[in-house]
Amino acid sequence: MKILILGLLALVFSANVNAQTFVSGGIYQNTNWTVNNSPYVVTGPVVVFPGNTLTIAPGVQIIVNNTVNDSIYIETRGTLNMMGTDQLPISIRTQIDTTNIGWLGFICTSSQGGVLNANRFSISNAQTPFDYEAPLALYSYTNCSFNHCGQAITVGNETVLNNCQFRGNNAAVYGWSYFTLNNCFFKDNGTAINAYATAFTMTGSTFLENTNALVFSAGVFDSMSITNCQFLNNGTAINFPNNGKIENCIFLDNVTGIQSSYGCKISNNVFNYNEVAVDVSVLTELVNNQINNNIGGVRISGISSVVNAPIVTNNEICGNINYNVNNNTNVNYSLLTNCFCGLDSAGIEQSIIDGYDDVTKGLINYQIFDTSCTILLGTVLKFNQVAGVAANEMEDFTFENPVENTLTLLSTTAINEIALCDLNGKVLVLKAFAANAFNVSDLRPGFFILKRVNQTPVNQKFIIY
């Protein structure tokens, strides 16, 4: 008898563990889907009719039977509440082929009174997880997961995402909205975020192995702020960022870190091992970044006038394979205060692509720092930043460049006096202490222009080190 009772208890326990409820068709009265009857296996379309409520309890599992039909959906013309908890999220997935789209998703038919409330869930394999007939005023999701869906979230007004995960979706987040994202994770998506943003604020989020991580498909109307985020091994990490800031982020091993920046400040970021680290364009400030060991470092593009040229200052741009800087415009740029980690101009020149390499490009002025990027060793100006006389009034004089302590002009004419100009425009007049020789040991190392030899105007650049 004891053995029989134990056997019956075992059968009852086994039945509860393996319990499942098959559902399809119309819901015509208030209905609860409970954990005790979970998982719910959806074998055909489910419709909640007007005036009725379907409540799906925390912890419920919903399995869509897509073995025959991939057009199953759950529609509400009444009210559908699907609110999980952090400890008991609601789970929805297909029965087979769980890495691909296998059903249509939830549909909210608001024209018939439909209301759909959902949060703290994991939803997978839906073409459109939540298809709202009329856009919501606020899309707010916390601790939610969207996996292997078509367009995971389609938005139209305001969107707030906290601690959400998006894996393997064709498009994770798409639409026009006020965006606020905190601590979200995007992996293996076609496009993680395609934003037509009124305003865009994102902090602490990670983008890993997406074809495109963050794409701005139009100008940000209000402002953009991207801080403390990581972009790792994506195709393009951020495309067309504009009207805001990107700061304290890490860009590692992307095809392109930042593409076509416009009217934004990019500061205090780290760019390593990208094919192209950062492509700066109109009215961009690139300041205090570490741009090292990429295939291409900084590319300047999309500029036709000095008026809208980017400002590139105080960056460490070192060890990039094809170039540290590529001037892809015909505008001249002064990139002074940036460190290229080379101790001589010959080495630095090899990593700068400008008009010296291609006459269609503008020239680049730069400075030479020591390997710690703290001590200025010299300045190289390829175009004149100081007003000078016309070219036909000038004469060239030969001397060694750079100059250490003595500037000696090689000329058959006796030269008794010269005038120099420093970067601040200060004119210094020096007298010869020997034949055509001038003492410059007391001058601060840096860039100078030889402006006059005796009474002859000249315009020759050189470095004192």
Protein backbone atom coordinates (compact mmCIF):
# COMPACT_ATOMS: atom_id res chain seq x y z
CA MET A 1 0.00 0.00 0.00
CA LYS A 2 2.84 2.45 0.92
CA ILE A 3 4.50 1.77 -2.43
CA LEU A 4 1.19 2.41 -4.27
CA ILE A 5 0.69 5.76 -2.48
CA LEU A 6 4.25 6.84 -3.26
CA GLY A 7 3.73 5.90 -6.90
CA LEU A 8 0.51 7.92 -7.13
CA LEU A 9 2.25 10.95 -5.55
CA ALA A 10 5.05 10.63 -8.07
CA LEU A 11 2.54 10.61 -10.94
CA VAL A 12 0.78 13.71 -9.56
CA PHE A 13 4.10 15.54 -9.15
CA SER A 14 5.16 14.59 -12.66
CA ALA A 15 1.87 15.84 -14.10
CA ASN A 16 2.29 19.24 -12.40
CA VAL A 17 5.87 19.63 -13.62
CA ASN A 18 4.91 18.86 -17.21
CA ALA A 19 1.55 20.69 -17.19
CA GLN A 20 0.81 22.77 -20.24
CA THR A 21 -2.25 24.56 -21.55
CA PHE A 22 -3.13 24.75 -25.23
CA VAL A 23 -4.79 28.02 -26.29
CA SER A 24 -6.21 29.57 -29.45
CA GLY A 25 -9.33 31.41 -30.61
CA GLY A 26 -11.39 34.13 -28.92
CA ILE A 27 -11.36 35.26 -25.29
CA TYR A 28 -14.90 36.40 -24.41
CA GLN A 29 -14.58 36.83 -20.65
CA ASN A 30 -11.96 38.00 -18.19
CA THR A 31 -9.20 35.39 -18.20
CA ASN A 32 -6.01 34.75 -16.23
CA TRP A 33 -3.00 32.83 -17.48
CA THR A 34 -1.29 31.51 -14.37
CA VAL A 35 2.06 29.95 -13.54
CA ASN A 36 0.34 26.74 -12.42
CA ASN A 37 -1.04 26.19 -15.91
CA SER A 38 2.13 27.33 -17.65
CA PRO A 39 3.50 26.96 -20.24
CA TYR A 40 0.70 28.15 -22.50
CA VAL A 41 1.11 26.68 -25.97
CA VAL A 42 -0.45 28.94 -28.59
CA THR A 43 -1.62 26.78 -31.49
CA GLY A 44 -3.49 29.48 -33.45
CA PRO A 45 -4.39 33.17 -33.31
CA VAL A 46 -5.72 34.42 -29.95
CA VAL A 47 -8.06 37.44 -29.81
CA VAL A 48 -9.18 39.27 -26.64
CA PHE A 49 -12.58 40.75 -27.52
CA PRO A 50 -13.76 44.23 -26.46
CA GLY A 51 -14.77 44.64 -22.81
CA ASN A 52 -12.65 41.69 -21.64
CA THR A 53 -9.24 41.45 -19.99
CA LEU A 54 -6.51 38.87 -20.37
CA THR A 55 -4.04 38.99 -17.48
CA ILE A 56 -0.78 37.08 -17.88
CA ALA A 57 0.83 36.50 -14.49
CA PRO A 58 4.52 36.99 -13.66
CA GLY A 59 6.59 33.91 -14.43
CA VAL A 60 4.25 32.55 -17.14
CA GLN A 61 5.84 30.95 -20.19
CA ILE A 62 4.16 31.27 -23.58
CA ILE A 63 5.27 28.96 -26.39
CA VAL A 64 4.05 29.68 -29.92
CA ASN A 65 3.59 26.45 -31.88
CA ASN A 66 5.17 27.39 -35.18
CA THR A 67 5.69 23.84 -36.39
CA VAL A 68 3.08 24.35 -39.12
CA ASN A 69 2.02 28.02 -39.03
CA ASP A 70 4.32 31.07 -38.70
CA SER A 71 1.44 33.58 -38.87
CA ILE A 72 0.14 33.16 -35.32
CA TYR A 73 -0.58 36.34 -33.36
CA ILE A 74 -2.12 37.43 -30.06
CA GLU A 75 -4.47 40.37 -30.55
CA THR A 76 -6.27 42.50 -28.02
CA ARG A 77 -9.40 44.48 -28.79
CA GLY A 78 -10.00 44.60 -25.05
CA THR A 79 -7.24 44.81 -22.40
CA LEU A 80 -4.14 42.66 -22.21
CA ASN A 81 -1.94 43.00 -19.13
CA MET A 82 1.43 41.27 -19.33
CA MET A 83 3.44 42.64 -16.41
CA GLY A 84 6.25 40.47 -15.11
CA THR A 85 8.58 41.21 -12.22
CA ASP A 86 12.36 41.37 -11.96
CA GLN A 87 12.34 37.96 -10.27
CA LEU A 88 9.58 36.46 -12.44
CA PRO A 89 9.70 37.83 -15.98
CA ILE A 90 7.18 36.58 -18.53
CA SER A 91 8.71 34.55 -21.34
CA ILE A 92 7.42 34.26 -24.93
CA ARG A 93 9.16 32.26 -27.66
CA THR A 94 8.48 29.87 -30.55
CA GLN A 95 8.47 26.11 -30.16
CA ILE A 96 11.08 25.39 -32.84
CA ASP A 97 13.79 27.34 -34.70
CA THR A 98 14.18 29.81 -31.83
CA THR A 99 16.90 31.85 -33.53
CA ASN A 100 14.60 33.02 -36.35
CA ILE A 101 11.26 34.80 -36.78
CA GLY A 102 8.41 32.34 -36.32
CA TRP A 103 5.22 34.29 -35.46
CA LEU A 104 3.71 37.75 -35.92
CA GLY A 105 3.64 39.01 -32.31
CA PHE A 106 1.14 40.94 -30.17
CA ILE A 107 -1.36 43.27 -31.87
CA CYS A 108 -3.18 46.09 -30.13
CA THR A 109 -6.29 47.22 -32.06
CA SER A 110 -6.95 50.53 -30.36
CA SER A 111 -9.79 51.46 -32.74
CA GLN A 112 -11.88 48.74 -31.03
CA GLY A 113 -10.78 49.69 -27.51
CA GLY A 114 -7.58 47.65 -27.41
CA VAL A 115 -5.12 48.30 -24.55
CA LEU A 116 -1.81 46.46 -24.21
CA ASN A 117 0.35 46.85 -21.11
CA ALA A 118 3.65 44.93 -21.06
CA ASN A 119 6.87 45.12 -19.05
CA ARG A 120 9.56 42.90 -17.55
CA PHE A 121 9.38 40.15 -20.12
CA SER A 122 11.51 38.24 -22.58
CA ILE A 123 10.05 38.01 -26.07
CA SER A 124 11.57 36.13 -28.99
CA ASN A 125 11.01 35.26 -32.64
CA ALA A 126 8.22 37.79 -33.37
CA GLN A 127 8.09 39.76 -36.59
CA THR A 128 6.81 42.77 -34.61
CA PRO A 129 6.69 41.99 -30.88
CA PHE A 130 4.16 44.77 -30.13
CA ASP A 131 2.22 46.20 -33.04
CA TYR A 132 0.20 49.19 -31.83
CA GLU A 133 -2.45 50.47 -34.22
CA ALA A 134 -1.98 53.94 -32.70
CA PRO A 135 1.45 54.89 -31.29
CA LEU A 136 1.74 55.14 -27.52
CA ALA A 137 2.57 58.42 -25.82
CA LEU A 138 5.29 56.57 -23.89
CA TYR A 139 7.09 53.31 -24.58
CA SER A 140 8.70 52.36 -21.28
CA TYR A 141 10.46 49.04 -20.75
CA THR A 142 12.58 47.92 -17.81
CA ASN A 143 14.54 44.66 -17.57
CA CYS A 144 13.07 43.42 -20.85
CA SER A 145 14.65 41.22 -23.50
CA PHE A 146 13.95 41.19 -27.24
CA ASN A 147 15.54 38.29 -29.13
CA HIS A 148 15.63 37.29 -32.82
CA CYS A 149 12.73 39.52 -33.80
CA GLY A 150 12.12 41.55 -36.95
CA GLN A 151 11.68 45.12 -35.73
CA ALA A 152 11.83 44.73 -31.97
CA ILE A 153 10.58 48.18 -30.92
CA THR A 154 8.89 50.60 -33.30
CA VAL A 155 8.34 53.96 -31.63
CA GLY A 156 6.59 57.21 -32.39
CA ASN A 157 6.68 59.46 -29.33
CA GLU A 158 8.78 59.00 -26.17
CA THR A 159 10.87 55.92 -25.42
CA VAL A 160 12.53 55.02 -22.10
CA LEU A 161 14.60 51.84 -21.91
CA ASN A 162 16.27 50.73 -18.69
CA ASN A 163 18.45 47.61 -18.40
CA CYS A 164 17.00 46.05 -21.55
CA GLN A 165 18.69 43.53 -23.84
CA PHE A 166 18.40 43.16 -27.61
CA ARG A 167 19.93 40.14 -29.31
CA GLY A 168 19.82 39.00 -32.91
CA ASN A 169 17.04 41.33 -34.12
CA ASN A 170 16.89 42.68 -37.65
CA ALA A 171 16.29 46.13 -36.18
CA ALA A 172 16.23 46.50 -32.40
CA VAL A 173 14.87 50.05 -31.96
CA TYR A 174 13.45 52.15 -34.78
CA GLY A 175 11.50 55.37 -35.11
CA TRP A 176 11.05 59.03 -34.27
CA SER A 177 11.07 59.73 -30.57
CA TYR A 178 12.48 61.32 -27.47
CA PHE A 179 14.95 58.57 -26.56
CA THR A 180 16.29 57.81 -23.08
CA LEU A 181 18.39 54.65 -22.70
CA ASN A 182 20.20 53.53 -19.58
CA ASN A 183 22.40 50.43 -19.19
CA CYS A 184 21.06 48.57 -22.22
CA PHE A 185 22.80 45.80 -24.16
CA PHE A 186 22.70 45.25 -27.93
CA LYS A 187 24.29 42.21 -29.57
CA ASP A 188 24.17 40.64 -33.05
CA ASN A 189 21.47 42.98 -34.35
CA GLY A 190 21.31 44.15 -37.96
CA THR A 191 20.78 47.73 -36.83
CA ALA A 192 20.66 48.18 -33.07
CA ILE A 193 19.15 51.68 -33.09
CA ASN A 194 17.87 53.63 -36.08
CA ALA A 195 16.86 56.98 -34.63
CA TYR A 196 14.97 59.94 -36.00
CA ALA A 197 15.50 61.71 -32.73
CA THR A 198 13.84 64.76 -31.28
CA ALA A 199 16.23 64.24 -28.38
CA PHE A 200 18.58 61.36 -27.63
CA THR A 201 20.16 60.56 -24.26
CA MET A 202 22.06 57.32 -23.63
CA THR A 203 24.32 56.25 -20.79
CA GLY A 204 26.09 53.05 -19.74
CA SER A 205 25.02 50.97 -22.75
CA THR A 206 27.00 48.34 -24.67
CA PHE A 207 26.88 47.53 -28.38
CA LEU A 208 28.56 44.27 -29.37
CA GLU A 209 28.87 42.72 -32.83
CA ASN A 210 26.01 44.59 -34.49
CA THR A 211 26.14 45.32 -38.22
CA ASN A 212 25.22 48.92 -37.38
CA ALA A 213 25.12 49.96 -33.76
CA LEU A 214 23.62 53.47 -33.69
CA VAL A 215 22.38 55.26 -36.80
CA PHE A 216 20.96 58.77 -36.80
CA SER A 217 18.86 58.98 -39.96
CA ALA A 218 18.13 62.68 -39.53
CA GLY A 219 19.37 65.66 -37.58
CA VAL A 220 18.64 65.60 -33.85
CA PHE A 221 16.12 68.38 -33.32
CA ASP A 222 16.81 69.08 -29.65
CA SER A 223 20.07 67.55 -28.39
CA MET A 224 22.14 64.36 -28.30
CA SER A 225 24.09 63.01 -25.33
CA ILE A 226 25.99 59.70 -25.41
CA THR A 227 28.12 59.01 -22.34
CA ASN A 228 29.96 56.08 -20.75
CA CYS A 229 29.02 53.60 -23.48
CA GLN A 230 30.98 50.81 -25.16
CA PHE A 231 31.01 50.00 -28.88
CA LEU A 232 32.79 46.71 -29.54
CA ASN A 233 33.29 44.87 -32.83
CA ASN A 234 30.42 46.50 -34.71
CA GLY A 235 30.30 47.46 -38.38
CA THR A 236 29.61 51.17 -37.87
CA ALA A 237 29.43 52.14 -34.19
CA ILE A 238 27.82 55.59 -34.56
CA ASN A 239 26.74 57.05 -37.88
CA PHE A 240 25.94 60.77 -38.31
CA PRO A 241 25.99 61.86 -34.66
CA ASN A 242 24.91 65.50 -34.49
CA ASN A 243 23.86 68.38 -32.29
CA GLY A 244 25.28 67.10 -29.01
CA LYS A 245 28.13 65.24 -27.36
CA ILE A 246 29.85 61.87 -27.22
CA GLU A 247 32.09 61.50 -24.19
CA ASN A 248 33.82 58.91 -22.01
CA CYS A 249 33.02 56.06 -24.41
CA ILE A 250 35.11 53.15 -25.70
CA PHE A 251 35.30 52.28 -29.40
CA LEU A 252 37.11 48.98 -29.89
CA ASP A 253 37.53 46.81 -33.01
CA ASN A 254 34.73 48.39 -35.08
CA VAL A 255 34.89 48.81 -38.84
CA THR A 256 34.15 52.51 -38.24
CA GLY A 257 34.01 54.06 -34.79
CA ILE A 258 32.28 57.36 -35.59
CA GLN A 259 31.13 58.24 -39.11
CA SER A 260 30.20 61.72 -40.40
CA SER A 261 29.94 63.67 -37.17
CA TYR A 262 28.13 66.98 -37.53
CA GLY A 263 27.92 69.82 -35.04
CA CYS A 264 28.88 67.75 -32.01
CA LYS A 265 31.65 67.50 -29.42
CA ILE A 266 33.57 64.22 -29.20
CA SER A 267 35.69 64.24 -26.05
CA ASN A 268 37.55 61.95 -23.64
CA ASN A 269 36.88 58.76 -25.61
CA VAL A 270 39.16 55.82 -26.41
CA PHE A 271 39.47 54.51 -29.97
CA ASN A 272 41.53 51.32 -30.44
CA TYR A 273 41.82 48.69 -33.21
CA ASN A 274 39.09 50.14 -35.44
CA GLU A 275 39.48 50.15 -39.21
CA VAL A 276 38.61 53.86 -39.13
CA ALA A 277 38.51 55.39 -35.68
CA VAL A 278 36.67 58.64 -36.28
CA ASP A 279 35.46 60.54 -39.34
CA VAL A 280 34.87 64.19 -38.40
CA SER A 281 32.91 66.65 -40.48
CA VAL A 282 31.12 69.98 -40.18
CA LEU A 283 31.52 71.95 -36.94
CA THR A 284 32.79 68.99 -34.92
CA GLU A 285 35.06 69.37 -31.88
CA LEU A 286 37.41 66.40 -31.41
CA VAL A 287 39.07 67.01 -28.06
CA ASN A 288 41.10 65.01 -25.52
CA ASN A 289 40.60 61.59 -27.11
CA GLN A 290 42.99 58.65 -27.29
CA ILE A 291 43.07 57.46 -30.91
CA ASN A 292 45.71 54.75 -31.03
CA ASN A 293 46.52 51.52 -32.90
CA ASN A 294 43.70 51.75 -35.41
CA ILE A 295 44.15 51.05 -39.11
CA GLY A 296 43.02 54.62 -39.81
CA GLY A 297 43.00 57.32 -37.13
CA VAL A 298 41.23 60.63 -37.85
CA ARG A 299 39.63 61.27 -41.23
CA ILE A 300 38.40 64.79 -42.04
CA SER A 301 35.68 64.86 -44.69
CA GLY A 302 32.62 66.70 -45.99
CA ILE A 303 34.12 70.20 -45.57
CA SER A 304 34.27 72.84 -48.30
CA SER A 305 35.00 75.96 -46.26
CA VAL A 306 37.13 77.00 -43.29
CA VAL A 307 33.96 78.47 -41.75
CA ASN A 308 32.51 75.03 -40.96
CA ALA A 309 35.77 73.16 -40.41
CA PRO A 310 36.16 70.84 -37.39
CA ILE A 311 38.36 71.68 -34.41
CA VAL A 312 40.84 68.92 -33.55
CA THR A 313 42.84 69.62 -30.37
CA ASN A 314 44.66 67.92 -27.50
CA ASN A 315 44.20 64.38 -28.81
CA GLU A 316 46.70 61.54 -28.65
CA ILE A 317 46.76 60.13 -32.20
CA CYS A 318 49.46 57.49 -32.32
CA GLY A 319 50.42 54.19 -33.90
CA ASN A 320 47.62 54.07 -36.46
CA ILE A 321 48.68 51.88 -39.38
CA ASN A 322 47.57 53.60 -42.61
CA TYR A 323 47.36 57.13 -41.27
CA ASN A 324 47.05 59.14 -38.10
CA VAL A 325 45.23 61.92 -39.97
CA ASN A 326 43.76 61.88 -43.47
CA ASN A 327 42.67 65.29 -44.76
CA ASN A 328 39.97 64.22 -47.20
CA THR A 329 39.15 67.85 -48.09
CA ASN A 330 40.85 70.75 -49.89
CA VAL A 331 40.82 72.91 -46.73
CA ASN A 332 43.99 73.62 -44.73
CA TYR A 333 43.93 72.64 -41.04
CA SER A 334 46.10 73.51 -38.08
CA LEU A 335 46.16 70.47 -35.80
CA LEU A 336 48.45 72.03 -33.24
CA THR A 337 48.39 70.64 -29.66
CA ASN A 338 47.70 67.08 -30.87
CA CYS A 339 50.33 64.47 -30.02
CA PHE A 340 51.43 62.02 -32.72
CA CYS A 341 54.05 60.24 -30.54
CA GLY A 342 56.80 60.82 -33.11
CA LEU A 343 60.05 62.56 -32.26
CA ASP A 344 60.71 64.04 -35.70
CA SER A 345 58.73 65.52 -38.54
CA ALA A 346 59.85 62.85 -41.02
CA GLY A 347 58.21 60.09 -38.97
CA ILE A 348 55.04 62.09 -38.35
CA GLU A 349 54.73 63.05 -42.03
CA GLN A 350 54.48 59.39 -42.96
CA SER A 351 51.26 59.12 -40.97
CA ILE A 352 49.64 62.34 -42.24
CA ILE A 353 47.87 62.35 -45.61
CA ASP A 354 47.45 65.87 -46.95
CA GLY A 355 48.41 68.10 -49.86
CA TYR A 356 52.01 66.86 -49.72
CA ASP A 357 50.68 63.44 -50.78
CA ASP A 358 47.75 64.50 -52.99
CA VAL A 359 47.46 67.98 -54.47
CA THR A 360 43.66 67.84 -54.26
CA LYS A 361 43.91 67.86 -50.46
CA GLY A 362 44.59 70.72 -48.08
CA LEU A 363 47.69 70.98 -45.90
CA ILE A 364 48.02 70.12 -42.21
CA ASN A 365 50.08 72.01 -39.64
CA TYR A 366 51.13 70.05 -36.56
CA GLN A 367 53.42 69.97 -33.55
CA ILE A 368 56.01 67.48 -32.34
CA PHE A 369 55.85 66.19 -28.77
CA ASP A 370 57.93 63.69 -26.83
CA THR A 371 56.63 60.13 -26.34
CA SER A 372 54.85 61.14 -23.14
CA CYS A 373 52.89 63.78 -25.09
CA THR A 374 53.80 66.42 -22.52
CA ILE A 375 56.89 68.24 -23.84
CA LEU A 376 56.65 70.26 -27.04
CA LEU A 377 59.64 69.62 -29.29
CA GLY A 378 58.70 71.62 -32.34
CA THR A 379 56.05 72.95 -34.70
CA VAL A 380 55.67 72.34 -38.43
CA LEU A 381 53.64 74.85 -40.41
CA LYS A 382 53.04 73.98 -44.05
CA PHE A 383 50.84 76.99 -44.66
CA ASN A 384 51.35 80.48 -43.26
CA GLN A 385 49.29 81.37 -40.22
CA VAL A 386 50.94 84.80 -39.95
CA ALA A 387 50.30 87.59 -42.45
CA GLY A 388 53.27 88.03 -44.78
CA VAL A 389 54.34 89.83 -47.92
CA ALA A 390 53.55 88.72 -51.42
CA ALA A 391 55.49 85.80 -52.82
CA ASN A 392 57.18 87.87 -55.51
CA GLU A 393 58.76 90.07 -52.82
CA MET A 394 60.43 87.15 -51.07
CA GLU A 395 63.84 85.55 -51.42
CA ASP A 396 64.87 82.13 -50.16
CA PHE A 397 67.89 81.67 -47.92
CA THR A 398 69.45 78.30 -47.15
CA PHE A 399 70.04 77.07 -43.59
CA GLU A 400 69.78 73.85 -41.62
CA ASN A 401 66.32 73.09 -40.25
CA PRO A 402 65.57 72.33 -37.41
CA VAL A 403 67.92 74.73 -35.62
CA GLU A 404 69.48 74.02 -32.24
CA ASN A 405 71.58 76.93 -30.89
CA THR A 406 72.86 78.79 -33.92
CA LEU A 407 71.05 79.83 -37.09
CA THR A 408 73.63 80.08 -39.87
CA LEU A 409 72.52 81.41 -43.25
CA LEU A 410 74.45 80.05 -46.25
CA SER A 411 74.95 83.09 -48.45
CA THR A 412 77.80 84.87 -50.22
CA THR A 413 76.26 88.13 -49.02
CA ALA A 414 77.17 89.37 -45.57
CA ILE A 415 74.11 89.21 -43.34
CA ASN A 416 74.21 91.37 -40.25
CA GLU A 417 70.61 91.38 -39.07
CA ILE A 418 67.52 89.16 -39.27
CA ALA A 419 63.95 89.41 -38.02
CA LEU A 420 62.01 86.38 -36.74
CA CYS A 421 58.33 85.96 -35.92
CA ASP A 422 57.02 83.45 -33.36
CA LEU A 423 53.58 81.78 -33.21
CA ASN A 424 52.15 84.68 -31.23
CA GLY A 425 53.16 87.17 -33.92
CA LYS A 426 55.98 88.68 -31.83
CA VAL A 427 58.84 89.99 -33.98
CA LEU A 428 62.39 89.37 -32.74
CA VAL A 429 65.38 91.19 -34.24
CA LEU A 430 68.75 89.44 -33.96
CA LYS A 431 72.26 90.73 -34.73
CA ALA A 432 74.97 88.44 -36.15
CA PHE A 433 77.65 87.35 -33.66
CA ALA A 434 79.78 85.84 -36.45
CA ALA A 435 79.67 85.66 -40.23
CA ASN A 436 75.98 85.13 -41.11
CA ALA A 437 75.49 83.39 -37.71
CA PHE A 438 72.81 84.25 -35.14
CA ASN A 439 72.42 83.01 -31.56
CA VAL A 440 68.98 81.49 -30.95
CA SER A 441 69.84 79.46 -27.83
CA ASP A 442 67.85 81.82 -25.60
CA LEU A 443 64.65 81.39 -27.62
CA ARG A 444 61.96 78.97 -26.49
CA PRO A 445 61.77 75.81 -28.66
CA GLY A 446 59.00 75.89 -31.23
CA PHE A 447 58.03 77.22 -34.62
CA PHE A 448 59.42 80.46 -36.07
CA ILE A 449 59.25 82.32 -39.38
CA LEU A 450 62.26 84.11 -40.85
CA LYS A 451 60.66 87.40 -41.96
CA ARG A 452 63.60 89.63 -42.94
CA VAL A 453 67.27 89.22 -43.86
CA ASN A 454 69.06 92.55 -43.72
CA GLN A 455 66.44 94.64 -45.54
CA THR A 456 65.10 91.82 -47.75
CA PRO A 457 61.64 90.44 -46.85
CA VAL A 458 61.43 86.62 -46.70
CA ASN A 459 58.94 84.09 -45.40
CA GLN A 460 60.73 80.88 -44.42
CA LYS A 461 59.51 78.50 -41.72
CA PHE A 462 61.80 76.65 -39.35
CA ILE A 463 61.89 74.97 -35.96
CA ILE A 464 64.11 75.71 -32.97
CA TYR A 465 64.52 72.70 -30.67
